[in-house]
Every structure is written in C-alpha cells, then in structure tokens.
PDB file of N, CA and C in Angstrom:
ATOM      1  N   MET A   1       0.880  -1.250   0.188  1.00  0.00           N
ATOM      2  CA  MET A   1      -0.069   0.061  -0.077  1.00  0.00           C
ATOM      3  C   MET A   1       0.912   1.309  -0.020  1.00  0.00           C
ATOM      4  N   GLU A   2       0.717   2.014  -1.119  1.00  0.00           N
ATOM      5  CA  GLU A   2       1.686   3.244  -1.059  1.00  0.00           C
ATOM      6  C   GLU A   2       0.791   4.449  -0.874  1.00  0.00           C
ATOM      7  N   ILE A   3       1.162   5.273   0.150  1.00  0.00           N
ATOM      8  CA  ILE A   3       0.555   6.368   0.470  1.00  0.00           C
ATOM      9  C   ILE A   3       1.411   7.661   0.176  1.00  0.00           C
ATOM     10  N   LEU A   4       0.733   8.535  -0.724  1.00  0.00           N
ATOM     11  CA  LEU A   4       1.535   9.690  -1.202  1.00  0.00           C
ATOM     12  C   LEU A   4       0.673  10.907  -0.823  1.00  0.00           C
ATOM     13  N   ARG A   5       1.335  12.025  -1.098  1.00  0.00           N
ATOM     14  CA  ARG A   5       0.776  13.410  -0.658  1.00  0.00           C
ATOM     15  C   ARG A   5       0.718  14.195  -1.941  1.00  0.00           C
ATOM     16  N   LYS A   6      -0.414  14.916  -2.063  1.00  0.00           N
ATOM     17  CA  LYS A   6      -0.713  15.971  -2.861  1.00  0.00           C
ATOM     18  C   LYS A   6      -0.805  17.325  -2.288  1.00  0.00           C
ATOM     19  N   VAL A   7      -0.081  18.231  -2.823  1.00  0.00           N
ATOM     20  CA  VAL A   7       0.035  19.544  -2.064  1.00  0.00           C
ATOM     21  C   VAL A   7      -0.679  20.502  -3.098  1.00  0.00           C
ATOM     22  N   ASN A   8      -1.650  21.262  -2.683  1.00  0.00           N
ATOM     23  CA  ASN A   8      -2.316  22.232  -3.519  1.00  0.00           C
ATOM     24  C   ASN A   8      -2.833  23.450  -2.505  1.00  0.00           C
ATOM     25  N   GLY A   9      -1.691  24.186  -2.253  1.00  0.00           N
ATOM     26  CA  GLY A   9      -1.816  25.405  -1.376  1.00  0.00           C
ATOM     27  C   GLY A   9      -2.245  25.038   0.079  1.00  0.00           C
ATOM     28  N   ASN A  10      -3.315  25.488   0.594  1.00  0.00           N
ATOM     29  CA  ASN A  10      -3.674  25.294   1.751  1.00  0.00           C
ATOM     30  C   ASN A  10      -4.553  24.012   2.050  1.00  0.00           C
ATOM     31  N   LYS A  11      -4.977  23.523   0.740  1.00  0.00           N
ATOM     32  CA  LYS A  11      -5.926  22.443   0.767  1.00  0.00           C
ATOM     33  C   LYS A  11      -5.076  21.207   0.131  1.00  0.00           C
ATOM     34  N   SER A  12      -4.727  20.141   0.930  1.00  0.00           N
ATOM     35  CA  SER A  12      -3.855  19.123   0.458  1.00  0.00           C
ATOM     36  C   SER A  12      -4.426  17.922   0.701  1.00  0.00           C
ATOM     37  N   GLU A  13      -3.728  16.810   0.474  1.00  0.00           N
ATOM     38  CA  GLU A  13      -4.340  15.372   0.841  1.00  0.00           C
ATOM     39  C   GLU A  13      -3.223  14.271   0.711  1.00  0.00           C
ATOM     40  N   PHE A  14      -3.513  13.265   1.527  1.00  0.00           N
ATOM     41  CA  PHE A  14      -2.755  12.190   1.535  1.00  0.00           C
ATOM     42  C   PHE A  14      -3.810  11.110   0.741  1.00  0.00           C
ATOM     43  N   TYR A  15      -3.080  10.246  -0.162  1.00  0.00           N
ATOM     44  CA  TYR A  15      -3.951   9.258  -0.864  1.00  0.00           C
ATOM     45  C   TYR A  15      -3.214   8.066  -1.020  1.00  0.00           C
ATOM     46  N   ILE A  16      -3.979   7.015  -1.367  1.00  0.00           N
ATOM     47  CA  ILE A  16      -3.347   5.542  -1.620  1.00  0.00           C
ATOM     48  C   ILE A  16      -3.714   5.147  -3.003  1.00  0.00           C
ATOM     49  N   LEU A  17      -2.563   4.606  -3.541  1.00  0.00           N
ATOM     50  CA  LEU A  17      -2.676   4.235  -5.034  1.00  0.00           C
ATOM     51  C   LEU A  17      -2.500   2.736  -4.943  1.00  0.00           C
ATOM     52  N   GLU A  18      -3.492   2.079  -5.661  1.00  0.00           N
ATOM     53  CA  GLU A  18      -3.487   0.623  -5.747  1.00  0.00           C
ATOM     54  C   GLU A  18      -3.665   0.462  -7.184  1.00  0.00           C
ATOM     55  N   ASN A  19      -2.697  -0.283  -7.741  1.00  0.00           N
ATOM     56  CA  ASN A  19      -2.614  -0.683  -9.350  1.00  0.00           C
ATOM     57  C   ASN A  19      -2.862   0.731 -10.050  1.00  0.00           C
ATOM     58  N   LYS A  20      -2.259   1.783  -9.633  1.00  0.00           N
ATOM     59  CA  LYS A  20      -2.235   3.109 -10.336  1.00  0.00           C
ATOM     60  C   LYS A  20      -3.483   3.851 -10.211  1.00  0.00           C
ATOM     61  N   ILE A  21      -4.488   3.391  -9.378  1.00  0.00           N
ATOM     62  CA  ILE A  21      -5.728   3.986  -9.108  1.00  0.00           C
ATOM     63  C   ILE A  21      -5.794   4.380  -7.738  1.00  0.00           C
ATOM     64  N   GLU A  22      -6.215   5.797  -7.627  1.00  0.00           N
ATOM     65  CA  GLU A  22      -6.438   6.404  -6.322  1.00  0.00           C
ATOM     66  C   GLU A  22      -7.593   5.792  -5.635  1.00  0.00           C
ATOM     67  N   GLU A  23      -7.454   4.858  -4.775  1.00  0.00           N
ATOM     68  CA  GLU A  23      -8.494   4.189  -4.031  1.00  0.00           C
ATOM     69  C   GLU A  23      -9.067   4.750  -2.667  1.00  0.00           C
ATOM     70  N   ALA A  24      -8.144   5.694  -2.059  1.00  0.00           N
ATOM     71  CA  ALA A  24      -8.469   6.246  -0.900  1.00  0.00           C
ATOM     72  C   ALA A  24      -7.835   7.633  -0.870  1.00  0.00           C
ATOM     73  N   MET A  25      -8.516   8.553   0.121  1.00  0.00           N
ATOM     74  CA  MET A  25      -8.010   9.869  -0.053  1.00  0.00           C
ATOM     75  C   MET A  25      -8.259  10.542   1.463  1.00  0.00           C
ATOM     76  N   MET A  26      -7.430  11.247   2.150  1.00  0.00           N
ATOM     77  CA  MET A  26      -7.719  12.148   3.368  1.00  0.00           C
ATOM     78  C   MET A  26      -7.324  13.465   3.188  1.00  0.00           C
ATOM     79  N   SER A  27      -8.304  14.303   3.044  1.00  0.00           N
ATOM     80  CA  SER A  27      -7.970  15.872   2.811  1.00  0.00           C
ATOM     81  C   SER A  27      -7.543  16.519   4.091  1.00  0.00           C
ATOM     82  N   TYR A  28      -6.731  17.561   3.990  1.00  0.00           N
ATOM     83  CA  TYR A  28      -6.450  18.197   5.171  1.00  0.00           C
ATOM     84  C   TYR A  28      -6.342  19.717   4.708  1.00  0.00           C
ATOM     85  N   THR A  29      -6.442  20.706   5.630  1.00  0.00           N
ATOM     86  CA  THR A  29      -6.301  22.247   5.364  1.00  0.00           C
ATOM     87  C   THR A  29      -5.458  22.690   6.352  1.00  0.00           C
ATOM     88  N   TRP A  30      -4.510  23.597   5.913  1.00  0.00           N
ATOM     89  CA  TRP A  30      -3.610  24.298   6.888  1.00  0.00           C
ATOM     90  C   TRP A  30      -4.352  25.485   7.649  1.00  0.00           C
ATOM     91  N   VAL A  31      -4.131  25.562   8.796  1.00  0.00           N
ATOM     92  CA  VAL A  31      -4.716  26.568   9.665  1.00  0.00           C
ATOM     93  C   VAL A  31      -3.362  27.327  10.025  1.00  0.00           C
ATOM     94  N   GLY A  32      -3.119  28.359   9.607  1.00  0.00           N
ATOM     95  CA  GLY A  32      -1.914  29.111  10.091  1.00  0.00           C
ATOM     96  C   GLY A  32      -0.621  28.258   9.547  1.00  0.00           C
ATOM     97  N   ARG A  33       0.534  28.418  10.212  1.00  0.00           N
ATOM     98  CA  ARG A  33       1.607  27.746   9.806  1.00  0.00           C
ATOM     99  C   ARG A  33       1.946  26.480  10.587  1.00  0.00           C
ATOM    100  N   ASP A  34       1.206  26.346  11.648  1.00  0.00           N
ATOM    101  CA  ASP A  34       1.486  25.232  12.738  1.00  0.00           C
ATOM    102  C   ASP A  34       0.557  24.224  12.913  1.00  0.00           C
ATOM    103  N   ASN A  35      -0.676  24.185  12.172  1.00  0.00           N
ATOM    104  CA  ASN A  35      -1.867  23.353  12.347  1.00  0.00           C
ATOM    105  C   ASN A  35      -2.283  22.869  11.117  1.00  0.00           C
ATOM    106  N   ILE A  36      -2.717  21.598  10.992  1.00  0.00           N
ATOM    107  CA  ILE A  36      -3.730  21.215   9.980  1.00  0.00           C
ATOM    108  C   ILE A  36      -4.848  20.498  10.492  1.00  0.00           C
ATOM    109  N   ILE A  37      -6.085  20.667   9.736  1.00  0.00           N
ATOM    110  CA  ILE A  37      -7.250  19.951  10.076  1.00  0.00           C
ATOM    111  C   ILE A  37      -7.409  18.945   9.045  1.00  0.00           C
ATOM    112  N   ILE A  38      -7.631  17.804   9.579  1.00  0.00           N
ATOM    113  CA  ILE A  38      -8.055  16.677   8.708  1.00  0.00           C
ATOM    114  C   ILE A  38      -9.556  16.795   8.508  1.00  0.00           C
ATOM    115  N   ASP A  39     -10.062  17.149   7.373  1.00  0.00           N
ATOM    116  CA  ASP A  39     -11.419  17.402   7.145  1.00  0.00           C
ATOM    117  C   ASP A  39     -12.274  16.365   6.516  1.00  0.00           C
ATOM    118  N   HIS A  40     -11.662  15.307   5.654  1.00  0.00           N
ATOM    119  CA  HIS A  40     -12.503  14.517   4.895  1.00  0.00           C
ATOM    120  C   HIS A  40     -11.576  13.247   4.669  1.00  0.00           C
ATOM    121  N   THR A  41     -12.233  12.225   4.629  1.00  0.00           N
ATOM    122  CA  THR A  41     -11.757  10.924   4.239  1.00  0.00           C
ATOM    123  C   THR A  41     -12.671  10.034   3.354  1.00  0.00           C
ATOM    124  N   GLU A  42     -12.139   9.416   2.379  1.00  0.00           N
ATOM    125  CA  GLU A  42     -12.881   8.526   1.475  1.00  0.00           C
ATOM    126  C   GLU A  42     -12.078   7.408   1.239  1.00  0.00           C
ATOM    127  N   VAL A  43     -12.685   6.213   1.367  1.00  0.00           N
ATOM    128  CA  VAL A  43     -12.038   4.862   0.892  1.00  0.00           C
ATOM    129  C   VAL A  43     -13.005   4.061  -0.037  1.00  0.00           C
ATOM    130  N   ASN A  44     -12.512   3.728  -1.204  1.00  0.00           N
ATOM    131  CA  ASN A  44     -13.286   3.119  -2.052  1.00  0.00           C
ATOM    132  C   ASN A  44     -13.412   1.565  -1.729  1.00  0.00           C
ATOM    133  N   GLU A  45     -14.262   1.023  -2.263  1.00  0.00           N
ATOM    134  CA  GLU A  45     -14.639  -0.585  -1.967  1.00  0.00           C
ATOM    135  C   GLU A  45     -13.405  -1.398  -1.987  1.00  0.00           C
ATOM    136  N   PRO A  46     -12.448  -1.349  -2.859  1.00  0.00           N
ATOM    137  CA  PRO A  46     -11.441  -2.338  -2.873  1.00  0.00           C
ATOM    138  C   PRO A  46     -10.484  -2.178  -1.614  1.00  0.00           C
ATOM    139  N   LEU A  47     -10.552  -1.037  -0.885  1.00  0.00           N
ATOM    140  CA  LEU A  47      -9.585  -0.976   0.282  1.00  0.00           C
ATOM    141  C   LEU A  47     -10.483  -1.084   1.800  1.00  0.00           C
ATOM    142  N   LYS A  48     -11.728  -1.284   1.543  1.00  0.00           N
ATOM    143  CA  LYS A  48     -12.467  -1.280   2.695  1.00  0.00           C
ATOM    144  C   LYS A  48     -12.051  -2.667   3.502  1.00  0.00           C
ATOM    145  N   GLY A  49     -11.912  -2.330   4.861  1.00  0.00           N
ATOM    146  CA  GLY A  49     -11.495  -3.341   5.714  1.00  0.00           C
ATOM    147  C   GLY A  49     -10.085  -3.843   5.668  1.00  0.00           C
ATOM    148  N   LYS A  50      -9.300  -2.929   5.000  1.00  0.00           N
ATOM    149  CA  LYS A  50      -7.834  -3.111   4.850  1.00  0.00           C
ATOM    150  C   LYS A  50      -7.039  -2.037   5.458  1.00  0.00           C
ATOM    151  N   ASN A  51      -7.633  -1.242   6.484  1.00  0.00           N
ATOM    152  CA  ASN A  51      -6.985  -0.366   7.260  1.00  0.00           C
ATOM    153  C   ASN A  51      -6.264   0.897   6.482  1.00  0.00           C
ATOM    154  N   GLY A  52      -6.875   1.075   5.300  1.00  0.00           N
ATOM    155  CA  GLY A  52      -6.397   2.323   4.574  1.00  0.00           C
ATOM    156  C   GLY A  52      -6.606   3.585   5.181  1.00  0.00           C
ATOM    157  N   SER A  53      -7.663   3.843   5.959  1.00  0.00           N
ATOM    158  CA  SER A  53      -7.886   5.225   6.667  1.00  0.00           C
ATOM    159  C   SER A  53      -6.800   5.189   7.747  1.00  0.00           C
ATOM    160  N   LYS A  54      -6.565   4.096   8.485  1.00  0.00           N
ATOM    161  CA  LYS A  54      -5.535   4.110   9.555  1.00  0.00           C
ATOM    162  C   LYS A  54      -4.269   4.360   9.105  1.00  0.00           C
ATOM    163  N   GLN A  55      -3.958   3.924   7.839  1.00  0.00           N
ATOM    164  CA  GLN A  55      -2.638   4.072   7.361  1.00  0.00           C
ATOM    165  C   GLN A  55      -2.380   5.485   6.938  1.00  0.00           C
ATOM    166  N   MET A  56      -3.434   6.089   6.325  1.00  0.00           N
ATOM    167  CA  MET A  56      -3.309   7.539   6.024  1.00  0.00           C
ATOM    168  C   MET A  56      -3.230   8.538   7.411  1.00  0.00           C
ATOM    169  N   VAL A  57      -3.905   8.064   8.424  1.00  0.00           N
ATOM    170  CA  VAL A  57      -3.676   8.841   9.666  1.00  0.00           C
ATOM    171  C   VAL A  57      -2.283   8.837  10.239  1.00  0.00           C
ATOM    172  N   LEU A  58      -1.708   7.485  10.043  1.00  0.00           N
ATOM    173  CA  LEU A  58      -0.423   7.278  10.663  1.00  0.00           C
ATOM    174  C   LEU A  58       0.659   8.140   9.653  1.00  0.00           C
ATOM    175  N   LYS A  59       0.207   8.222   8.439  1.00  0.00           N
ATOM    176  CA  LYS A  59       1.242   9.012   7.559  1.00  0.00           C
ATOM    177  C   LYS A  59       1.079  10.474   7.942  1.00  0.00           C
ATOM    178  N   ALA A  60      -0.146  10.954   8.165  1.00  0.00           N
ATOM    179  CA  ALA A  60      -0.395  12.328   8.552  1.00  0.00           C
ATOM    180  C   ALA A  60       0.346  12.635   9.946  1.00  0.00           C
ATOM    181  N   VAL A  61       0.341  11.829  10.947  1.00  0.00           N
ATOM    182  CA  VAL A  61       1.031  11.822  12.241  1.00  0.00           C
ATOM    183  C   VAL A  61       2.493  12.025  12.032  1.00  0.00           C
ATOM    184  N   GLU A  62       3.030  11.033  11.149  1.00  0.00           N
ATOM    185  CA  GLU A  62       4.504  11.202  10.772  1.00  0.00           C
ATOM    186  C   GLU A  62       4.898  12.450  10.177  1.00  0.00           C
ATOM    187  N   PHE A  63       3.945  13.112   9.230  1.00  0.00           N
ATOM    188  CA  PHE A  63       4.408  14.228   8.499  1.00  0.00           C
ATOM    189  C   PHE A  63       4.273  15.466   9.657  1.00  0.00           C
ATOM    190  N   ALA A  64       3.354  15.387  10.498  1.00  0.00           N
ATOM    191  CA  ALA A  64       3.123  16.399  11.573  1.00  0.00           C
ATOM    192  C   ALA A  64       4.461  16.374  12.444  1.00  0.00           C
ATOM    193  N   ARG A  65       4.832  15.268  12.727  1.00  0.00           N
ATOM    194  CA  ARG A  65       6.031  15.031  13.757  1.00  0.00           C
ATOM    195  C   ARG A  65       7.203  15.760  12.715  1.00  0.00           C
ATOM    196  N   GLU A  66       7.329  15.302  11.688  1.00  0.00           N
ATOM    197  CA  GLU A  66       8.543  15.805  10.865  1.00  0.00           C
ATOM    198  C   GLU A  66       8.657  17.355  10.737  1.00  0.00           C
ATOM    199  N   LYS A  67       7.334  17.926  10.635  1.00  0.00           N
ATOM    200  CA  LYS A  67       7.316  19.261  10.437  1.00  0.00           C
ATOM    201  C   LYS A  67       7.062  20.256  11.699  1.00  0.00           C
ATOM    202  N   GLY A  68       6.859  19.381  12.830  1.00  0.00           N
ATOM    203  CA  GLY A  68       6.612  20.154  14.115  1.00  0.00           C
ATOM    204  C   GLY A  68       5.381  20.793  14.243  1.00  0.00           C
ATOM    205  N   ILE A  69       4.423  20.400  13.633  1.00  0.00           N
ATOM    206  CA  ILE A  69       3.048  20.875  13.524  1.00  0.00           C
ATOM    207  C   ILE A  69       1.985  20.008  14.352  1.00  0.00           C
ATOM    208  N   LYS A  70       0.823  20.534  14.584  1.00  0.00           N
ATOM    209  CA  LYS A  70      -0.213  19.850  15.281  1.00  0.00           C
ATOM    210  C   LYS A  70      -1.375  19.517  14.266  1.00  0.00           C
ATOM    211  N   ILE A  71      -2.018  18.400  14.618  1.00  0.00           N
ATOM    212  CA  ILE A  71      -3.137  18.096  13.806  1.00  0.00           C
ATOM    213  C   ILE A  71      -4.416  18.177  14.747  1.00  0.00           C
ATOM    214  N   ILE A  72      -5.298  19.040  14.090  1.00  0.00           N
ATOM    215  CA  ILE A  72      -6.637  19.280  14.604  1.00  0.00           C
ATOM    216  C   ILE A  72      -7.604  18.158  13.855  1.00  0.00           C
ATOM    217  N   PRO A  73      -8.330  17.259  14.744  1.00  0.00           N
ATOM    218  CA  PRO A  73      -9.089  16.301  14.073  1.00  0.00           C
ATOM    219  C   PRO A  73     -10.453  16.912  13.678  1.00  0.00           C
TER     220      PRO A  73
END
C-alpha cells in the first residue's frame, strides 16, 4: 500500500494508490503555519476493511512530527 501526498496550497491530501488507481484519500487544510485540520476521508470499496484510513492517519502523524506541527481532528 503506497501512501502519497498531493500539495495544493492550503488544501492538500494524502492518498493511496493501488494498481495506479487512487482508491482512498484524506484531505487536510492548513490553519496558520503550525496546524492542519483533517477534514475529509474517502475509501473506495477495494480498500474497505484493509486499514487504509488508519494508514493515512499514521502518515499524517508522521508528517506532523517531521514538520513540528499539530493536527486538529
């Protein structure tokens, strides 16, 4: 399971590619310079029950730790 990140200004996302198809996404919005809000998650049928959402959250936590920022759920 490959988790990637798309950056689009203040509104960005983590997403999962399976067989070159985006099967899950979790969007977040920057609030200032030190916080992000996770505001939406979608998981397509092929990944349901396979911990895709959890894996994206773990990636977001890793990202936040690396950047020294906080996540607002």
